[in-house]
N, C-alpha and C. Protein backbone atom coordinates (compact mmCIF):
# COMPACT_ATOMS: atom_id res chain seq x y z
N UNK A 1 0.83 -1.19 0.13
CA UNK A 1 -0.03 0.02 -0.04
C UNK A 1 0.97 1.22 0.10
N UNK A 2 0.23 2.31 -0.83
CA UNK A 2 1.48 3.40 -0.84
C UNK A 2 1.05 4.39 0.21
N UNK A 3 1.78 5.38 0.53
CA UNK A 3 1.57 6.48 1.37
C UNK A 3 0.76 7.49 0.65
N UNK A 4 -0.19 8.04 1.07
CA UNK A 4 -0.96 9.05 0.65
C UNK A 4 -1.10 10.30 1.31
N UNK A 5 -0.11 10.56 2.10
CA UNK A 5 0.21 11.86 2.97
C UNK A 5 0.31 13.13 2.06
N UNK A 6 1.11 12.79 1.16
CA UNK A 6 1.62 14.03 0.00
C UNK A 6 -0.03 14.30 -0.77
N UNK A 7 -0.59 13.55 -1.11
CA UNK A 7 -2.09 13.82 -1.86
C UNK A 7 -2.91 14.44 -0.98
N UNK A 8 -3.16 14.08 0.20
CA UNK A 8 -4.11 14.66 1.21
C UNK A 8 -3.43 16.12 1.31
N UNK A 9 -2.46 16.38 1.66
CA UNK A 9 -1.90 17.67 1.73
C UNK A 9 -2.09 18.80 0.44
N UNK A 10 -1.85 17.98 -0.68
CA UNK A 10 -2.31 18.80 -1.97
C UNK A 10 -3.86 19.02 -2.19
N UNK A 11 -4.49 18.19 -1.68
CA UNK A 11 -5.98 18.37 -1.79
C UNK A 11 -6.68 19.41 -0.72
N UNK A 12 -6.11 19.41 0.41
CA UNK A 12 -6.26 20.36 1.50
C UNK A 12 -5.92 21.94 1.32
N UNK A 13 -4.67 21.80 0.39
CA UNK A 13 -4.20 23.38 -0.26
C UNK A 13 -5.30 23.70 -1.27
N UNK A 14 -5.62 23.08 -1.91
CA UNK A 14 -6.44 23.40 -2.92
C UNK A 14 -8.13 23.63 -2.36
N UNK A 15 -8.41 22.89 -1.49
CA UNK A 15 -9.85 23.07 -1.15
C UNK A 15 -9.99 24.21 0.09
N UNK A 16 -9.17 24.13 0.72
CA UNK A 16 -9.34 25.13 2.03
C UNK A 16 -9.56 26.76 1.72
N UNK A 17 -8.75 27.14 0.83
CA UNK A 17 -9.08 28.58 0.24
C UNK A 17 -10.66 28.66 -0.18
N UNK A 18 -10.95 27.78 -1.15
CA UNK A 18 -12.37 27.69 -1.42
C UNK A 18 -13.55 27.80 -0.15
N UNK A 19 -13.17 26.91 0.54
CA UNK A 19 -13.92 26.60 1.81
C UNK A 19 -13.80 28.05 2.67
N UNK A 20 -12.98 28.46 2.95
CA UNK A 20 -12.71 29.62 3.82
C UNK A 20 -13.52 31.01 3.08
N UNK A 21 -13.15 31.02 1.57
CA UNK A 21 -13.86 32.08 1.05
C UNK A 21 -15.37 32.09 1.17
N UNK A 22 -16.17 30.75 1.11
CA UNK A 22 -17.39 30.56 1.28
C UNK A 22 -17.87 30.81 2.86
N UNK A 23 -17.15 30.41 3.88
CA UNK A 23 -17.45 30.67 5.02
C UNK A 23 -17.27 32.00 5.40
N UNK A 24 -16.51 32.90 4.89
CA UNK A 24 -16.30 34.32 5.29
C UNK A 24 -17.20 35.04 4.40
N UNK A 25 -17.56 34.44 3.31
CA UNK A 25 -18.85 35.26 2.57
C UNK A 25 -20.11 35.21 3.20
N UNK A 26 -20.16 34.04 3.89
CA UNK A 26 -21.35 33.90 4.60
C UNK A 26 -21.78 35.02 5.77
N UNK A 27 -20.47 35.18 6.40
CA UNK A 27 -20.31 35.64 7.54
C UNK A 27 -20.64 37.29 7.13
N UNK A 28 -19.75 37.85 6.26
CA UNK A 28 -20.11 39.25 5.77
C UNK A 28 -21.57 39.39 5.35
N UNK A 29 -22.12 38.53 4.62
CA UNK A 29 -23.35 38.59 4.12
C UNK A 29 -24.31 38.48 5.19
N UNK A 30 -24.35 37.72 5.91
CA UNK A 30 -25.19 37.60 6.99
C UNK A 30 -25.14 38.84 7.94
N UNK A 31 -23.98 39.38 8.24
CA UNK A 31 -24.05 40.69 8.96
C UNK A 31 -24.80 41.80 8.35
N UNK A 32 -24.20 41.91 6.85
CA UNK A 32 -25.04 42.91 6.08
C UNK A 32 -26.50 42.86 5.97
N UNK A 33 -27.11 41.65 5.87
CA UNK A 33 -28.56 41.26 5.82
C UNK A 33 -29.18 41.88 7.08
N UNK A 34 -28.49 41.51 8.34
CA UNK A 34 -28.97 41.80 9.52
C UNK A 34 -29.09 43.06 9.83
N UNK A 35 -28.02 43.80 9.47
CA UNK A 35 -27.91 45.19 9.55
C UNK A 35 -28.89 46.02 8.82
N UNK A 36 -29.06 45.54 7.36
CA UNK A 36 -30.21 46.14 6.45
C UNK A 36 -31.68 46.07 7.00
N UNK A 37 -31.65 44.72 7.71
CA UNK A 37 -32.91 44.47 8.27
C UNK A 37 -33.32 45.49 9.61
N UNK A 38 -32.37 45.81 10.21
CA UNK A 38 -32.33 46.55 11.41
C UNK A 38 -32.56 48.03 11.11
N UNK A 39 -31.88 48.47 9.74
CA UNK A 39 -32.06 49.88 9.31
C UNK A 39 -33.56 49.91 8.84
N UNK A 40 -34.05 49.05 8.05
CA UNK A 40 -35.41 48.85 7.56
C UNK A 40 -36.43 48.91 8.67
N UNK A 41 -36.25 48.05 9.70
CA UNK A 41 -37.27 48.16 10.90
C UNK A 41 -37.12 49.41 11.66
N UNK A 42 -36.09 50.17 11.91
CA UNK A 42 -36.09 51.40 12.48
C UNK A 42 -36.62 52.34 11.78
N UNK A 43 -36.30 52.53 10.27
CA UNK A 43 -37.06 53.47 9.56
C UNK A 43 -38.43 53.17 9.59
N UNK A 44 -39.06 51.99 9.50
CA UNK A 44 -40.70 51.74 9.37
C UNK A 44 -40.98 52.24 11.08
N UNK A 45 -40.30 51.78 12.04
CA UNK A 45 -40.69 52.64 13.34
C UNK A 45 -40.84 53.97 13.22
N UNK A 46 -39.92 54.84 12.80
CA UNK A 46 -39.68 55.91 12.76
C UNK A 46 -40.64 56.70 11.78
N UNK A 47 -40.86 56.05 10.65
CA UNK A 47 -42.04 56.68 9.77
C UNK A 47 -43.34 56.33 10.21
N UNK A 48 -43.78 55.13 11.12
CA UNK A 48 -44.89 55.07 11.77
C UNK A 48 -45.00 56.50 13.11
N UNK A 49 -44.01 56.58 13.66
CA UNK A 49 -44.15 57.72 14.63
C UNK A 49 -44.39 59.10 13.88
N UNK A 50 -43.92 59.17 13.00
CA UNK A 50 -43.84 60.38 12.07
C UNK A 50 -45.23 60.68 11.41
N UNK A 51 -45.62 59.43 11.10
CA UNK A 51 -47.06 59.65 10.61
C UNK A 51 -48.33 59.78 11.53
N UNK A 52 -48.20 59.61 12.60
CA UNK A 52 -49.06 59.49 13.54
C UNK A 52 -49.00 60.74 14.71
N UNK A 53 -47.87 61.34 14.61
CA UNK A 53 -47.60 62.39 15.50
C UNK A 53 -48.23 63.76 14.91
N UNK A 54 -48.82 64.28 15.84
CA UNK A 54 -49.43 65.78 15.27
C UNK A 54 -48.71 66.83 16.05
N UNK A 55 -48.09 68.00 15.50
CA UNK A 55 -47.66 67.93 14.15
C UNK A 55 -46.64 67.12 13.93
N UNK A 56 -46.16 67.07 12.55
CA UNK A 56 -45.21 66.20 12.24
C UNK A 56 -43.78 67.00 12.72
N UNK A 57 -42.82 66.43 13.32
CA UNK A 57 -41.72 66.91 13.83
C UNK A 57 -40.61 66.68 12.75
N UNK A 58 -40.35 67.39 11.83
CA UNK A 58 -39.17 67.02 10.74
C UNK A 58 -37.78 66.98 11.47
N UNK A 59 -37.12 66.19 10.82
CA UNK A 59 -35.64 65.90 11.44
C UNK A 59 -34.76 66.49 10.15
N UNK A 60 -34.00 67.36 10.47
CA UNK A 60 -33.02 67.85 9.30
C UNK A 60 -32.25 66.71 8.80
N UNK A 61 -32.44 66.86 7.35
CA UNK A 61 -31.66 66.06 6.75
C UNK A 61 -30.12 65.85 6.86
N UNK A 62 -29.56 64.34 6.47
CA UNK A 62 -28.12 64.39 6.93
C UNK A 62 -27.87 64.71 8.06
N UNK A 63 -28.44 64.63 8.97
CA UNK A 63 -28.08 64.67 10.34
C UNK A 63 -27.64 63.45 11.04
N UNK A 64 -26.27 63.45 11.58
CA UNK A 64 -26.00 62.10 11.88
C UNK A 64 -26.60 61.83 13.31
N UNK A 65 -26.82 60.79 13.28
CA UNK A 65 -27.76 60.05 14.36
C UNK A 65 -26.68 59.14 15.35
N UNK A 66 -26.51 59.56 16.35
CA UNK A 66 -25.50 58.65 17.16
C UNK A 66 -26.26 58.25 18.42
N UNK A 67 -26.15 56.77 18.56
CA UNK A 67 -26.89 55.93 19.64
C UNK A 67 -26.52 56.56 21.06
N UNK A 68 -25.65 57.28 21.08
CA UNK A 68 -24.96 57.88 22.68
C UNK A 68 -25.39 59.20 22.83
N UNK A 69 -26.09 59.83 21.83
CA UNK A 69 -26.68 61.33 22.03
C UNK A 69 -28.14 61.27 21.80
N UNK A 70 -28.75 61.82 22.77
CA UNK A 70 -30.19 61.84 22.87
C UNK A 70 -30.81 62.50 21.71
N UNK A 71 -31.72 62.13 20.83
CA UNK A 71 -32.66 62.57 19.96
C UNK A 71 -33.65 63.31 20.29
N UNK A 72 -34.16 64.35 19.45
CA UNK A 72 -35.15 65.06 19.59
C UNK A 72 -36.44 64.92 18.64
N UNK A 73 -37.70 65.02 19.26
CA UNK A 73 -38.66 64.46 18.47
C UNK A 73 -39.14 63.15 18.50
N UNK A 74 -40.40 62.70 18.51
CA UNK A 74 -40.65 61.27 18.76
C UNK A 74 -40.35 60.13 17.69
N UNK A 75 -40.32 60.86 15.99
CA UNK A 75 -39.61 59.94 15.17
C UNK A 75 -38.13 59.50 15.27
N UNK A 76 -37.31 60.41 15.70
CA UNK A 76 -35.92 60.18 16.09
C UNK A 76 -35.89 59.28 17.14
N UNK A 77 -36.43 59.45 18.20
CA UNK A 77 -36.67 58.68 19.61
C UNK A 77 -36.79 57.20 19.05
N UNK A 78 -38.07 56.95 18.36
CA UNK A 78 -38.35 55.67 17.94
C UNK A 78 -37.36 55.09 16.76
N UNK A 79 -36.28 55.46 16.10
CA UNK A 79 -35.42 55.24 15.38
C UNK A 79 -34.45 54.73 16.30
N UNK A 80 -33.91 55.59 17.33
CA UNK A 80 -32.96 55.11 18.27
C UNK A 80 -33.29 54.09 18.99
N UNK A 81 -34.58 53.83 19.61
CA UNK A 81 -34.85 52.56 20.04
C UNK A 81 -34.69 51.36 19.40
N UNK A 82 -35.33 51.33 17.92
CA UNK A 82 -35.15 50.15 17.26
C UNK A 82 -33.63 50.16 16.78
N UNK A 83 -32.96 51.04 16.53
CA UNK A 83 -31.37 50.83 16.04
C UNK A 83 -30.71 50.06 17.15
N UNK A 84 -30.89 50.46 18.40
CA UNK A 84 -29.83 50.17 19.52
C UNK A 84 -29.80 48.41 19.54
N UNK A 85 -30.92 47.63 19.14
CA UNK A 85 -30.70 46.31 19.14
C UNK A 85 -29.89 45.44 17.96
N UNK A 86 -29.30 46.25 16.78
CA UNK A 86 -28.78 45.79 15.91
C UNK A 86 -27.43 46.33 15.29
N UNK A 87 -27.15 47.74 15.84
CA UNK A 87 -26.37 48.48 15.20
C UNK A 87 -25.24 48.80 16.47
N UNK A 88 -24.14 48.83 16.26
CA UNK A 88 -23.23 49.35 17.13
C UNK A 88 -23.42 50.68 17.96
N UNK A 89 -23.31 51.11 19.09
CA UNK A 89 -23.52 52.19 19.75
C UNK A 89 -22.78 53.50 19.21
N UNK A 90 -21.54 53.23 18.73
CA UNK A 90 -20.83 54.11 17.99
C UNK A 90 -20.98 54.53 16.68
N UNK A 91 -22.07 53.48 16.15
CA UNK A 91 -22.20 53.79 14.53
C UNK A 91 -22.96 55.06 14.26
N UNK A 92 -22.49 55.85 13.48
CA UNK A 92 -23.18 57.22 12.69
C UNK A 92 -24.03 56.91 11.57
N UNK A 93 -25.51 57.13 11.78
CA UNK A 93 -26.34 56.65 10.79
C UNK A 93 -26.97 57.89 10.40
N UNK A 94 -26.85 58.28 8.87
CA UNK A 94 -27.32 59.32 8.29
C UNK A 94 -28.97 59.19 8.41
N UNK A 95 -29.77 60.12 8.60
CA UNK A 95 -31.33 59.88 8.54
C UNK A 95 -31.96 61.00 8.05
N UNK A 96 -33.05 60.92 7.14
CA UNK A 96 -33.70 61.82 6.46
C UNK A 96 -35.16 61.34 6.51
N UNK A 97 -36.03 62.39 6.97
CA UNK A 97 -37.43 62.44 7.01
C UNK A 97 -37.96 63.19 5.86
N UNK A 98 -38.59 63.00 4.66
CA UNK A 98 -39.34 63.66 3.76
C UNK A 98 -40.73 63.43 3.53
N UNK A 99 -41.59 64.50 3.46
CA UNK A 99 -42.83 64.56 3.31
C UNK A 99 -43.38 64.80 1.80
N UNK A 100 -43.99 64.03 1.00
CA UNK A 100 -44.31 63.98 -0.23
C UNK A 100 -45.65 63.90 -0.70
N UNK A 101 -46.24 64.78 -1.44
CA UNK A 101 -47.92 64.70 -1.84
C UNK A 101 -48.14 63.28 -2.78
N UNK A 102 -49.08 63.02 -3.04
CA UNK A 102 -49.57 62.00 -3.98
C UNK A 102 -48.88 61.67 -5.15
N UNK A 103 -48.10 62.75 -5.74
CA UNK A 103 -47.49 62.67 -7.15
C UNK A 103 -45.94 62.32 -6.67
N UNK A 104 -45.68 62.37 -5.57
CA UNK A 104 -44.26 62.08 -5.16
C UNK A 104 -43.19 63.32 -4.91
N UNK A 105 -43.68 64.60 -5.09
CA UNK A 105 -43.23 65.92 -4.99
C UNK A 105 -43.05 65.98 -3.81
N UNK A 106 -42.03 66.69 -3.39
CA UNK A 106 -41.87 67.32 -1.90
C UNK A 106 -42.81 67.98 -1.56
N UNK A 107 -43.31 68.13 -0.30
CA UNK A 107 -44.19 68.91 0.14
C UNK A 107 -43.53 70.11 1.16
N UNK A 108 -43.78 71.48 0.78
CA UNK A 108 -43.43 72.49 1.57
C UNK A 108 -44.47 73.44 2.03
N UNK A 109 -44.30 73.56 3.30
CA UNK A 109 -45.62 74.34 3.96
C UNK A 109 -46.11 73.41 5.08
N UNK A 110 -47.70 73.20 5.11
CA UNK A 110 -48.47 72.49 5.66
C UNK A 110 -48.59 71.22 5.04
N UNK A 111 -48.74 70.10 6.03
CA UNK A 111 -48.82 68.83 5.73
C UNK A 111 -50.18 68.53 5.61
N UNK A 112 -50.67 67.97 4.47
CA UNK A 112 -52.09 67.65 4.56
C UNK A 112 -52.34 66.17 4.71
N UNK A 113 -53.53 65.80 5.20
CA UNK A 113 -53.69 64.20 5.34
C UNK A 113 -53.48 63.57 4.06
N UNK A 114 -53.14 62.66 3.79
CA UNK A 114 -52.89 61.52 2.61
C UNK A 114 -51.41 61.93 1.90
N UNK A 115 -50.76 62.84 2.41
CA UNK A 115 -49.18 62.99 2.43
C UNK A 115 -48.62 61.98 2.45
N UNK A 116 -47.55 61.45 1.79
CA UNK A 116 -46.72 60.52 2.28
C UNK A 116 -45.38 60.77 3.21
N UNK A 117 -45.13 60.01 4.21
CA UNK A 117 -44.05 60.30 4.99
C UNK A 117 -42.70 59.45 4.73
N UNK A 118 -41.83 59.73 4.30
CA UNK A 118 -40.68 58.70 3.80
C UNK A 118 -39.31 58.72 4.90
N UNK A 119 -39.06 57.85 5.67
CA UNK A 119 -37.68 57.93 6.29
C UNK A 119 -36.70 56.97 5.64
N UNK A 120 -35.51 57.65 5.65
CA UNK A 120 -34.29 57.07 4.80
C UNK A 120 -33.34 56.74 5.86
N UNK A 121 -32.72 55.74 6.13
CA UNK A 121 -31.47 55.62 7.21
C UNK A 121 -30.42 54.90 6.13
N UNK A 122 -29.35 55.45 6.49
CA UNK A 122 -27.99 55.34 5.65
C UNK A 122 -26.86 55.16 6.64
N UNK A 123 -26.16 53.89 6.57
CA UNK A 123 -24.98 53.44 7.57
C UNK A 123 -23.75 53.39 6.21
N UNK A 124 -23.08 54.82 6.61
CA UNK A 124 -22.10 54.62 5.59
C UNK A 124 -20.91 53.84 5.85
N UNK A 125 -20.45 53.42 6.75
CA UNK A 125 -19.23 52.74 6.88
C UNK A 125 -19.37 51.62 7.54
N UNK A 126 -20.22 50.77 6.97
CA UNK A 126 -20.42 49.48 7.63
C UNK A 126 -19.23 48.57 7.24
N UNK A 127 -18.44 48.21 8.61
CA UNK A 127 -17.28 47.85 8.51
C UNK A 127 -17.20 46.00 7.92
N UNK A 128 -16.54 45.71 7.09
CA UNK A 128 -16.56 44.33 6.81
C UNK A 128 -15.60 43.45 7.47
N UNK A 129 -15.85 42.47 8.04
CA UNK A 129 -14.73 41.69 8.92
C UNK A 129 -13.69 40.92 8.38
N UNK A 130 -14.19 40.70 7.01
CA UNK A 130 -13.33 39.66 6.27
C UNK A 130 -12.81 40.22 5.13
N UNK A 131 -11.64 39.65 4.54
CA UNK A 131 -11.01 40.30 3.50
C UNK A 131 -11.51 40.17 2.14
N UNK A 132 -12.75 39.65 2.19
CA UNK A 132 -13.33 39.42 0.81
C UNK A 132 -13.26 40.62 -0.05
N UNK A 133 -13.36 42.03 0.26
CA UNK A 133 -13.50 43.05 -0.63
C UNK A 133 -12.16 43.17 -1.52
N UNK A 134 -11.01 42.77 -0.97
CA UNK A 134 -9.95 42.54 -1.78
C UNK A 134 -10.13 41.51 -3.04
N UNK A 135 -10.77 40.41 -2.55
CA UNK A 135 -10.98 39.46 -3.71
C UNK A 135 -11.75 39.87 -4.60
N UNK A 136 -12.73 40.51 -4.11
CA UNK A 136 -13.77 41.27 -5.39
C UNK A 136 -13.19 42.24 -6.05
N UNK A 137 -12.41 43.19 -5.51
CA UNK A 137 -11.44 44.05 -6.37
C UNK A 137 -10.69 43.33 -7.55
N UNK A 138 -10.37 42.09 -7.05
CA UNK A 138 -9.35 41.35 -8.00
C UNK A 138 -10.52 40.91 -9.21
N UNK A 139 -11.68 40.27 -8.54
CA UNK A 139 -12.52 39.59 -9.66
C UNK A 139 -13.00 40.71 -10.51
N UNK A 140 -13.52 41.80 -9.98
CA UNK A 140 -14.28 42.81 -10.87
C UNK A 140 -13.20 43.73 -11.63
N UNK A 141 -11.68 43.40 -11.13
CA UNK A 141 -10.65 44.20 -11.89
C UNK A 141 -11.25 45.84 -11.90
N UNK A 142 -11.81 46.13 -10.51
CA UNK A 142 -11.97 47.52 -10.02
C UNK A 142 -11.09 47.88 -9.02
N UNK A 143 -10.12 48.48 -9.16
CA UNK A 143 -9.27 48.90 -7.66
C UNK A 143 -9.93 49.79 -6.86
N UNK A 144 -10.94 50.64 -7.39
CA UNK A 144 -11.69 51.41 -6.46
C UNK A 144 -12.38 50.57 -5.35
N UNK A 145 -12.55 49.50 -5.46
CA UNK A 145 -13.41 48.69 -4.67
C UNK A 145 -12.49 48.09 -3.66
N UNK A 146 -11.42 48.69 -3.07
CA UNK A 146 -10.69 48.21 -2.28
C UNK A 146 -10.83 48.54 -0.67
N UNK A 147 -11.97 49.19 -0.52
CA UNK A 147 -12.48 49.77 0.85
C UNK A 147 -13.10 48.55 1.55
N UNK A 148 -12.80 48.61 3.15
CA UNK A 148 -12.95 47.65 3.87
C UNK A 148 -14.44 47.85 4.64
N UNK A 149 -15.36 48.71 3.72
CA UNK A 149 -16.41 48.87 4.45
C UNK A 149 -17.19 49.19 3.04
N UNK A 150 -18.86 49.41 3.63
CA UNK A 150 -19.65 49.60 2.50
C UNK A 150 -20.72 50.35 3.13
N UNK A 151 -21.72 50.76 2.14
CA UNK A 151 -22.95 51.64 2.64
C UNK A 151 -24.17 50.57 2.63
N UNK A 152 -24.71 50.82 3.68
CA UNK A 152 -26.27 49.97 3.47
C UNK A 152 -27.28 51.01 4.06
N UNK A 153 -28.57 50.63 3.43
CA UNK A 153 -29.51 51.73 3.64
C UNK A 153 -30.76 50.93 3.77
N UNK A 154 -31.63 51.61 4.80
CA UNK A 154 -33.15 51.03 4.90
C UNK A 154 -34.23 52.16 4.84
N UNK A 155 -35.33 52.04 4.15
CA UNK A 155 -36.14 53.04 3.81
C UNK A 155 -37.76 52.48 3.98
N UNK A 156 -38.55 53.25 4.57
CA UNK A 156 -40.23 53.22 4.79
C UNK A 156 -40.72 54.38 4.40
N UNK A 157 -41.96 53.93 3.96
CA UNK A 157 -43.01 55.20 4.08
C UNK A 157 -44.38 54.69 4.12
N UNK A 158 -44.85 55.87 4.66
CA UNK A 158 -46.22 55.69 5.09
C UNK A 158 -47.07 56.76 4.98
N UNK A 159 -48.53 56.92 4.58
CA UNK A 159 -49.33 57.77 4.38
C UNK A 159 -49.48 58.68 5.88
N UNK A 160 -49.38 59.82 5.90
CA UNK A 160 -49.77 60.85 7.02
C UNK A 160 -51.31 60.96 7.19
N UNK A 161 -51.46 60.94 8.55
CA UNK A 161 -52.81 60.86 8.66
C UNK A 161 -53.20 62.38 9.49
């Protein structure tokens, strides 16, 4: 019987990188999907609070929302409560509350019943924990994709009552 130790070593060297790539890909994809779901749920919670609050308290656009600082207005507080379950405490989330009429045009001035309230949350620097971004830059031949972070956003809209 021949010694097969060298054969096993070569097979392991060929299969191990693919196995690790698959596992790391699942880890980053799972974290990104969990964060996207958290952002969408927080946007849904914020838009619900904005739609039933009278009068509607607008949140200035592109305002950093840090979970460590207190928010003003019921929509922002509702967003913070929901985000605290799935986003790191030091993460800065950009959020925007917009009010639109039935045609989708932004509403300036008074808000009528039937207008749409839309909340958008954006996590600009979601950190990737595995080095797959380097491999993706090689595969796509796009050297600008060598960042170790990505942007994730969640959005929800509801009719203002």
